Amino acid sequence: MNPNNRHYHIAYAWINGATIEFLDKKCGEWKVIENPSFDEDVEYRLKPKVAWYENIADSGVLCWVSNSNRDPNSENVLALIKTYDKNVDYKFSSKAYKWQYAQPLTFIEIATLLRTAEKINETL
């Protein structure tokens, strides 16, 4: 593709695995397209990413939570977040408590917790 094509950067992202959407002019909605042609007369965009808290599974999301630290981490409390409500100050809720801020654990943090739990279990 010609680097001067207005869709060059979107096409490059698509080649590297990004999901692409096109604007369906008939209904005015953005729709996913598997194999875009990147025609000059079609509007394309990268599919917007959904924030983790906009799609919480029924089982919840294991998070570091805080009411003071905007970027909770391992120095804060662990909680299983079940719901998110953008219309209140304490947006993140578990079964019993609410917090202002929450950050899901990384895969490395989860693996570390599991190894620690295994070691504790071995000593019991």
N, C-alpha and C. Protein backbone atom coordinates (compact mmCIF):
# COMPACT_ATOMS: atom_id res chain seq x y z
N MET A 1 0.85 -1.18 0.00
CA MET A 1 0.00 0.00 0.00
C MET A 1 0.88 1.23 0.00
N ASN A 2 0.45 2.21 -0.72
CA ASN A 2 1.15 3.47 -0.83
C ASN A 2 1.10 4.22 0.51
N PRO A 3 2.23 4.64 1.06
CA PRO A 3 2.23 5.38 2.32
C PRO A 3 1.44 6.69 2.26
N ASN A 4 1.14 7.16 1.05
CA ASN A 4 0.36 8.38 0.90
C ASN A 4 -1.14 8.12 0.94
N ASN A 5 -1.54 6.85 0.91
CA ASN A 5 -2.95 6.50 1.03
C ASN A 5 -3.44 6.94 2.40
N ARG A 6 -4.62 7.56 2.44
CA ARG A 6 -5.11 8.09 3.72
C ARG A 6 -5.39 7.00 4.75
N HIS A 7 -5.48 5.75 4.33
CA HIS A 7 -5.73 4.64 5.24
C HIS A 7 -4.47 3.87 5.60
N TYR A 8 -3.31 4.37 5.22
CA TYR A 8 -2.05 3.65 5.39
C TYR A 8 -1.85 3.19 6.84
N HIS A 9 -2.02 4.08 7.81
CA HIS A 9 -1.75 3.74 9.22
C HIS A 9 -2.78 2.72 9.75
N ILE A 10 -4.00 2.82 9.30
CA ILE A 10 -5.02 1.84 9.72
C ILE A 10 -4.70 0.48 9.10
N ALA A 11 -4.30 0.49 7.83
CA ALA A 11 -3.94 -0.77 7.16
C ALA A 11 -2.75 -1.42 7.84
N TYR A 12 -1.78 -0.62 8.23
CA TYR A 12 -0.60 -1.13 8.93
C TYR A 12 -1.01 -1.79 10.25
N ALA A 13 -1.91 -1.13 10.99
CA ALA A 13 -2.40 -1.69 12.26
C ALA A 13 -3.15 -2.99 12.01
N TRP A 14 -3.94 -3.05 10.95
CA TRP A 14 -4.70 -4.26 10.61
C TRP A 14 -3.75 -5.43 10.30
N ILE A 15 -2.69 -5.16 9.54
CA ILE A 15 -1.69 -6.19 9.22
C ILE A 15 -1.08 -6.75 10.50
N ASN A 16 -0.98 -5.89 11.53
CA ASN A 16 -0.40 -6.30 12.81
C ASN A 16 -1.44 -6.78 13.81
N GLY A 17 -2.65 -7.10 13.33
CA GLY A 17 -3.64 -7.75 14.17
C GLY A 17 -4.75 -6.89 14.73
N ALA A 18 -4.78 -5.61 14.44
CA ALA A 18 -5.84 -4.74 14.95
C ALA A 18 -7.17 -5.06 14.27
N THR A 19 -8.25 -4.84 14.99
CA THR A 19 -9.59 -5.00 14.42
C THR A 19 -10.00 -3.68 13.79
N ILE A 20 -10.51 -3.77 12.56
CA ILE A 20 -10.87 -2.58 11.78
C ILE A 20 -12.39 -2.52 11.63
N GLU A 21 -12.91 -1.30 11.67
CA GLU A 21 -14.33 -1.07 11.42
C GLU A 21 -14.46 -0.12 10.24
N PHE A 22 -15.60 -0.22 9.52
CA PHE A 22 -15.90 0.73 8.47
C PHE A 22 -17.25 1.37 8.78
N LEU A 23 -17.46 2.57 8.28
CA LEU A 23 -18.71 3.28 8.50
C LEU A 23 -19.70 2.86 7.42
N ASP A 24 -20.76 2.15 7.85
CA ASP A 24 -21.82 1.75 6.93
C ASP A 24 -22.72 2.97 6.73
N LYS A 25 -22.62 3.60 5.57
CA LYS A 25 -23.35 4.84 5.31
C LYS A 25 -24.86 4.63 5.22
N LYS A 26 -25.29 3.39 4.96
CA LYS A 26 -26.73 3.10 4.87
C LYS A 26 -27.41 3.28 6.22
N CYS A 27 -26.73 2.85 7.30
CA CYS A 27 -27.35 2.92 8.63
C CYS A 27 -26.60 3.87 9.57
N GLY A 28 -25.45 4.37 9.14
CA GLY A 28 -24.70 5.31 9.95
C GLY A 28 -23.96 4.68 11.12
N GLU A 29 -23.75 3.36 11.08
CA GLU A 29 -23.09 2.64 12.18
C GLU A 29 -21.72 2.13 11.75
N TRP A 30 -20.82 2.03 12.75
CA TRP A 30 -19.52 1.42 12.51
C TRP A 30 -19.68 -0.09 12.64
N LYS A 31 -19.11 -0.84 11.66
CA LYS A 31 -19.19 -2.30 11.67
C LYS A 31 -17.82 -2.91 11.45
N VAL A 32 -17.57 -4.05 12.10
CA VAL A 32 -16.30 -4.75 11.94
C VAL A 32 -16.21 -5.30 10.52
N ILE A 33 -15.04 -5.20 9.93
CA ILE A 33 -14.79 -5.76 8.60
C ILE A 33 -13.55 -6.65 8.69
N GLU A 34 -13.69 -7.89 8.27
CA GLU A 34 -12.59 -8.87 8.37
C GLU A 34 -11.47 -8.62 7.37
N ASN A 35 -11.83 -8.30 6.13
CA ASN A 35 -10.84 -8.10 5.07
C ASN A 35 -11.08 -6.77 4.36
N PRO A 36 -10.66 -5.68 4.97
CA PRO A 36 -10.91 -4.37 4.37
C PRO A 36 -10.11 -4.17 3.08
N SER A 37 -10.70 -3.46 2.14
CA SER A 37 -10.01 -3.15 0.87
C SER A 37 -9.31 -1.80 0.94
N PHE A 38 -9.62 -1.01 1.96
CA PHE A 38 -9.04 0.31 2.17
C PHE A 38 -9.26 1.23 0.98
N ASP A 39 -10.49 1.18 0.45
CA ASP A 39 -10.87 2.08 -0.64
C ASP A 39 -10.84 3.52 -0.12
N GLU A 40 -10.44 4.43 -0.98
CA GLU A 40 -10.33 5.84 -0.61
C GLU A 40 -11.68 6.45 -0.22
N ASP A 41 -12.78 5.94 -0.79
CA ASP A 41 -14.09 6.54 -0.54
C ASP A 41 -14.83 5.91 0.66
N VAL A 42 -14.16 5.01 1.40
CA VAL A 42 -14.76 4.38 2.57
C VAL A 42 -14.05 4.89 3.82
N GLU A 43 -14.84 5.14 4.88
CA GLU A 43 -14.27 5.57 6.16
C GLU A 43 -13.93 4.33 6.99
N TYR A 44 -12.69 4.24 7.47
CA TYR A 44 -12.24 3.15 8.33
C TYR A 44 -11.72 3.72 9.64
N ARG A 45 -11.72 2.87 10.66
CA ARG A 45 -11.12 3.24 11.94
C ARG A 45 -10.70 1.98 12.68
N LEU A 46 -9.83 2.14 13.66
CA LEU A 46 -9.50 1.04 14.56
C LEU A 46 -10.68 0.87 15.50
N LYS A 47 -11.08 -0.36 15.74
CA LYS A 47 -12.19 -0.61 16.66
C LYS A 47 -11.79 -0.12 18.05
N PRO A 48 -12.62 0.74 18.65
CA PRO A 48 -12.28 1.23 19.99
C PRO A 48 -12.20 0.08 20.99
N LYS A 49 -11.24 0.19 21.88
CA LYS A 49 -11.09 -0.84 22.91
C LYS A 49 -12.10 -0.59 24.03
N VAL A 50 -12.65 -1.66 24.54
CA VAL A 50 -13.60 -1.58 25.65
C VAL A 50 -12.81 -1.64 26.95
N ALA A 51 -13.08 -0.71 27.84
CA ALA A 51 -12.41 -0.72 29.14
C ALA A 51 -12.84 -1.97 29.90
N TRP A 52 -11.94 -2.53 30.70
CA TRP A 52 -12.21 -3.78 31.41
C TRP A 52 -13.48 -3.69 32.24
N TYR A 53 -13.76 -2.54 32.81
CA TYR A 53 -14.90 -2.40 33.72
C TYR A 53 -16.23 -2.24 32.98
N GLU A 54 -16.19 -2.08 31.67
CA GLU A 54 -17.42 -1.96 30.89
C GLU A 54 -18.01 -3.32 30.54
N ASN A 55 -17.29 -4.39 30.86
CA ASN A 55 -17.75 -5.72 30.50
C ASN A 55 -17.30 -6.73 31.57
N ILE A 56 -17.73 -6.53 32.80
CA ILE A 56 -17.33 -7.40 33.90
C ILE A 56 -18.12 -8.69 33.85
N ALA A 57 -17.42 -9.82 33.85
CA ALA A 57 -18.07 -11.13 33.84
C ALA A 57 -18.81 -11.35 35.16
N ASP A 58 -19.79 -12.24 35.15
CA ASP A 58 -20.55 -12.54 36.36
C ASP A 58 -19.64 -12.99 37.50
N SER A 59 -18.53 -13.65 37.16
CA SER A 59 -17.60 -14.14 38.18
C SER A 59 -16.77 -13.01 38.79
N GLY A 60 -16.74 -11.84 38.16
CA GLY A 60 -16.01 -10.70 38.68
C GLY A 60 -14.60 -10.60 38.13
N VAL A 61 -13.90 -9.55 38.54
CA VAL A 61 -12.52 -9.29 38.13
C VAL A 61 -11.70 -9.03 39.39
N LEU A 62 -10.60 -9.77 39.57
CA LEU A 62 -9.73 -9.60 40.73
C LEU A 62 -8.90 -8.34 40.54
N CYS A 63 -9.04 -7.40 41.49
CA CYS A 63 -8.40 -6.08 41.35
C CYS A 63 -7.72 -5.63 42.63
N TRP A 64 -6.75 -4.73 42.43
CA TRP A 64 -6.25 -3.91 43.52
C TRP A 64 -7.24 -2.75 43.61
N VAL A 65 -7.66 -2.40 44.81
CA VAL A 65 -8.65 -1.33 44.98
C VAL A 65 -8.19 -0.32 46.02
N SER A 66 -8.71 0.90 45.89
CA SER A 66 -8.35 1.97 46.81
C SER A 66 -9.40 3.07 46.73
N ASN A 67 -9.49 3.84 47.80
CA ASN A 67 -10.32 5.04 47.77
C ASN A 67 -9.48 6.31 47.74
N SER A 68 -8.14 6.14 47.74
CA SER A 68 -7.27 7.31 47.72
C SER A 68 -6.24 7.27 46.59
N ASN A 69 -5.78 6.08 46.21
CA ASN A 69 -4.76 5.93 45.18
C ASN A 69 -5.44 5.75 43.82
N ARG A 70 -5.25 6.72 42.93
CA ARG A 70 -5.88 6.65 41.60
C ARG A 70 -5.35 5.49 40.76
N ASP A 71 -4.21 4.95 41.11
CA ASP A 71 -3.61 3.83 40.37
C ASP A 71 -3.29 2.72 41.37
N PRO A 72 -4.33 2.01 41.84
CA PRO A 72 -4.10 0.97 42.86
C PRO A 72 -3.10 -0.08 42.39
N ASN A 73 -2.34 -0.60 43.37
CA ASN A 73 -1.33 -1.62 43.06
C ASN A 73 -1.18 -2.54 44.26
N SER A 74 -0.12 -3.32 44.30
CA SER A 74 0.06 -4.33 45.34
C SER A 74 0.19 -3.74 46.74
N GLU A 75 0.32 -2.44 46.85
CA GLU A 75 0.35 -1.81 48.18
C GLU A 75 -1.06 -1.55 48.70
N ASN A 76 -2.07 -1.85 47.88
CA ASN A 76 -3.46 -1.63 48.25
C ASN A 76 -4.16 -2.95 48.55
N VAL A 77 -5.47 -2.93 48.61
CA VAL A 77 -6.28 -4.08 48.99
C VAL A 77 -6.72 -4.85 47.74
N LEU A 78 -6.83 -6.18 47.88
CA LEU A 78 -7.37 -7.02 46.81
C LEU A 78 -8.88 -7.16 46.99
N ALA A 79 -9.61 -7.13 45.88
CA ALA A 79 -11.06 -7.34 45.93
C ALA A 79 -11.54 -7.94 44.62
N LEU A 80 -12.60 -8.69 44.69
CA LEU A 80 -13.23 -9.24 43.50
C LEU A 80 -14.34 -8.27 43.09
N ILE A 81 -14.06 -7.49 42.06
CA ILE A 81 -15.02 -6.47 41.61
C ILE A 81 -16.11 -7.14 40.79
N LYS A 82 -17.35 -6.84 41.16
CA LYS A 82 -18.51 -7.44 40.50
C LYS A 82 -19.28 -6.47 39.62
N THR A 83 -19.27 -5.17 40.00
CA THR A 83 -20.04 -4.20 39.22
C THR A 83 -19.29 -2.87 39.12
N TYR A 84 -19.69 -2.10 38.12
CA TYR A 84 -19.15 -0.76 37.88
C TYR A 84 -20.33 0.17 37.60
N ASP A 85 -20.35 1.33 38.25
CA ASP A 85 -21.40 2.33 38.02
C ASP A 85 -20.74 3.69 37.86
N LYS A 86 -20.71 4.19 36.63
CA LYS A 86 -20.03 5.45 36.35
C LYS A 86 -20.74 6.67 36.94
N ASN A 87 -21.96 6.49 37.42
CA ASN A 87 -22.76 7.61 37.90
C ASN A 87 -22.61 7.91 39.40
N VAL A 88 -21.72 7.21 40.08
CA VAL A 88 -21.52 7.42 41.51
C VAL A 88 -20.03 7.63 41.80
N ASP A 89 -19.70 8.15 42.99
CA ASP A 89 -18.30 8.38 43.35
C ASP A 89 -17.55 7.07 43.56
N TYR A 90 -18.19 6.12 44.24
CA TYR A 90 -17.57 4.82 44.50
C TYR A 90 -18.05 3.85 43.42
N LYS A 91 -17.37 3.86 42.30
CA LYS A 91 -17.82 3.21 41.06
C LYS A 91 -17.69 1.69 41.05
N PHE A 92 -16.73 1.16 41.80
CA PHE A 92 -16.41 -0.26 41.75
C PHE A 92 -16.95 -0.96 42.99
N SER A 93 -17.69 -2.05 42.80
CA SER A 93 -18.31 -2.75 43.93
C SER A 93 -17.98 -4.22 43.94
N SER A 94 -17.73 -4.72 45.17
CA SER A 94 -17.66 -6.16 45.38
C SER A 94 -18.99 -6.55 46.02
N LYS A 95 -19.04 -7.71 46.60
CA LYS A 95 -20.28 -8.12 47.25
C LYS A 95 -20.62 -7.24 48.45
N ALA A 96 -19.59 -6.78 49.17
CA ALA A 96 -19.83 -6.08 50.42
C ALA A 96 -19.33 -4.63 50.47
N TYR A 97 -18.38 -4.25 49.59
CA TYR A 97 -17.76 -2.93 49.70
C TYR A 97 -17.74 -2.22 48.36
N LYS A 98 -17.47 -0.89 48.43
CA LYS A 98 -17.36 -0.06 47.23
C LYS A 98 -16.07 0.74 47.29
N TRP A 99 -15.47 0.97 46.10
CA TRP A 99 -14.23 1.72 46.01
C TRP A 99 -14.29 2.72 44.88
N GLN A 100 -13.46 3.76 45.01
CA GLN A 100 -13.37 4.77 43.96
C GLN A 100 -12.49 4.29 42.80
N TYR A 101 -11.44 3.55 43.12
CA TYR A 101 -10.46 3.17 42.11
C TYR A 101 -10.21 1.66 42.14
N ALA A 102 -10.02 1.09 40.95
CA ALA A 102 -9.72 -0.34 40.85
C ALA A 102 -8.83 -0.59 39.64
N GLN A 103 -7.93 -1.55 39.78
CA GLN A 103 -7.02 -1.92 38.69
C GLN A 103 -6.88 -3.44 38.67
N PRO A 104 -7.24 -4.10 37.57
CA PRO A 104 -7.11 -5.57 37.52
C PRO A 104 -5.66 -6.01 37.70
N LEU A 105 -5.50 -7.18 38.31
CA LEU A 105 -4.17 -7.75 38.46
C LEU A 105 -3.62 -8.12 37.10
N THR A 106 -2.30 -8.04 36.95
CA THR A 106 -1.65 -8.49 35.74
C THR A 106 -1.52 -10.01 35.80
N PHE A 107 -1.20 -10.64 34.68
CA PHE A 107 -0.99 -12.09 34.66
C PHE A 107 0.16 -12.47 35.59
N ILE A 108 1.20 -11.65 35.63
CA ILE A 108 2.35 -11.94 36.50
C ILE A 108 1.93 -11.87 37.97
N GLU A 109 1.12 -10.88 38.33
CA GLU A 109 0.65 -10.78 39.71
C GLU A 109 -0.21 -11.97 40.10
N ILE A 110 -1.05 -12.43 39.18
CA ILE A 110 -1.89 -13.60 39.45
C ILE A 110 -1.02 -14.84 39.64
N ALA A 111 -0.04 -15.02 38.75
CA ALA A 111 0.86 -16.18 38.86
C ALA A 111 1.62 -16.15 40.18
N THR A 112 2.08 -14.98 40.59
CA THR A 112 2.80 -14.84 41.85
C THR A 112 1.90 -15.22 43.02
N LEU A 113 0.67 -14.74 43.01
CA LEU A 113 -0.28 -15.08 44.08
C LEU A 113 -0.54 -16.58 44.13
N LEU A 114 -0.68 -17.21 42.98
CA LEU A 114 -0.93 -18.66 42.94
C LEU A 114 0.26 -19.43 43.49
N ARG A 115 1.49 -19.02 43.13
CA ARG A 115 2.68 -19.70 43.66
C ARG A 115 2.76 -19.53 45.17
N THR A 116 2.45 -18.33 45.66
CA THR A 116 2.47 -18.08 47.10
C THR A 116 1.44 -18.95 47.81
N ALA A 117 0.25 -19.06 47.22
CA ALA A 117 -0.81 -19.88 47.81
C ALA A 117 -0.39 -21.35 47.85
N GLU A 118 0.28 -21.82 46.80
CA GLU A 118 0.77 -23.21 46.76
C GLU A 118 1.79 -23.45 47.88
N LYS A 119 2.71 -22.51 48.08
CA LYS A 119 3.71 -22.66 49.14
C LYS A 119 3.06 -22.68 50.50
N ILE A 120 2.08 -21.83 50.72
CA ILE A 120 1.38 -21.81 52.01
C ILE A 120 0.66 -23.13 52.22
N ASN A 121 0.02 -23.62 51.17
CA ASN A 121 -0.71 -24.90 51.25
C ASN A 121 0.22 -26.06 51.58
N GLU A 122 1.45 -26.01 51.05
CA GLU A 122 2.43 -27.08 51.32
C GLU A 122 2.86 -27.10 52.78
N THR A 123 2.83 -25.94 53.42
CA THR A 123 3.27 -25.88 54.81
C THR A 123 2.16 -26.25 55.81
N LEU A 124 0.94 -26.31 55.34
CA LEU A 124 -0.18 -26.62 56.24
C LEU A 124 -0.30 -28.11 56.52
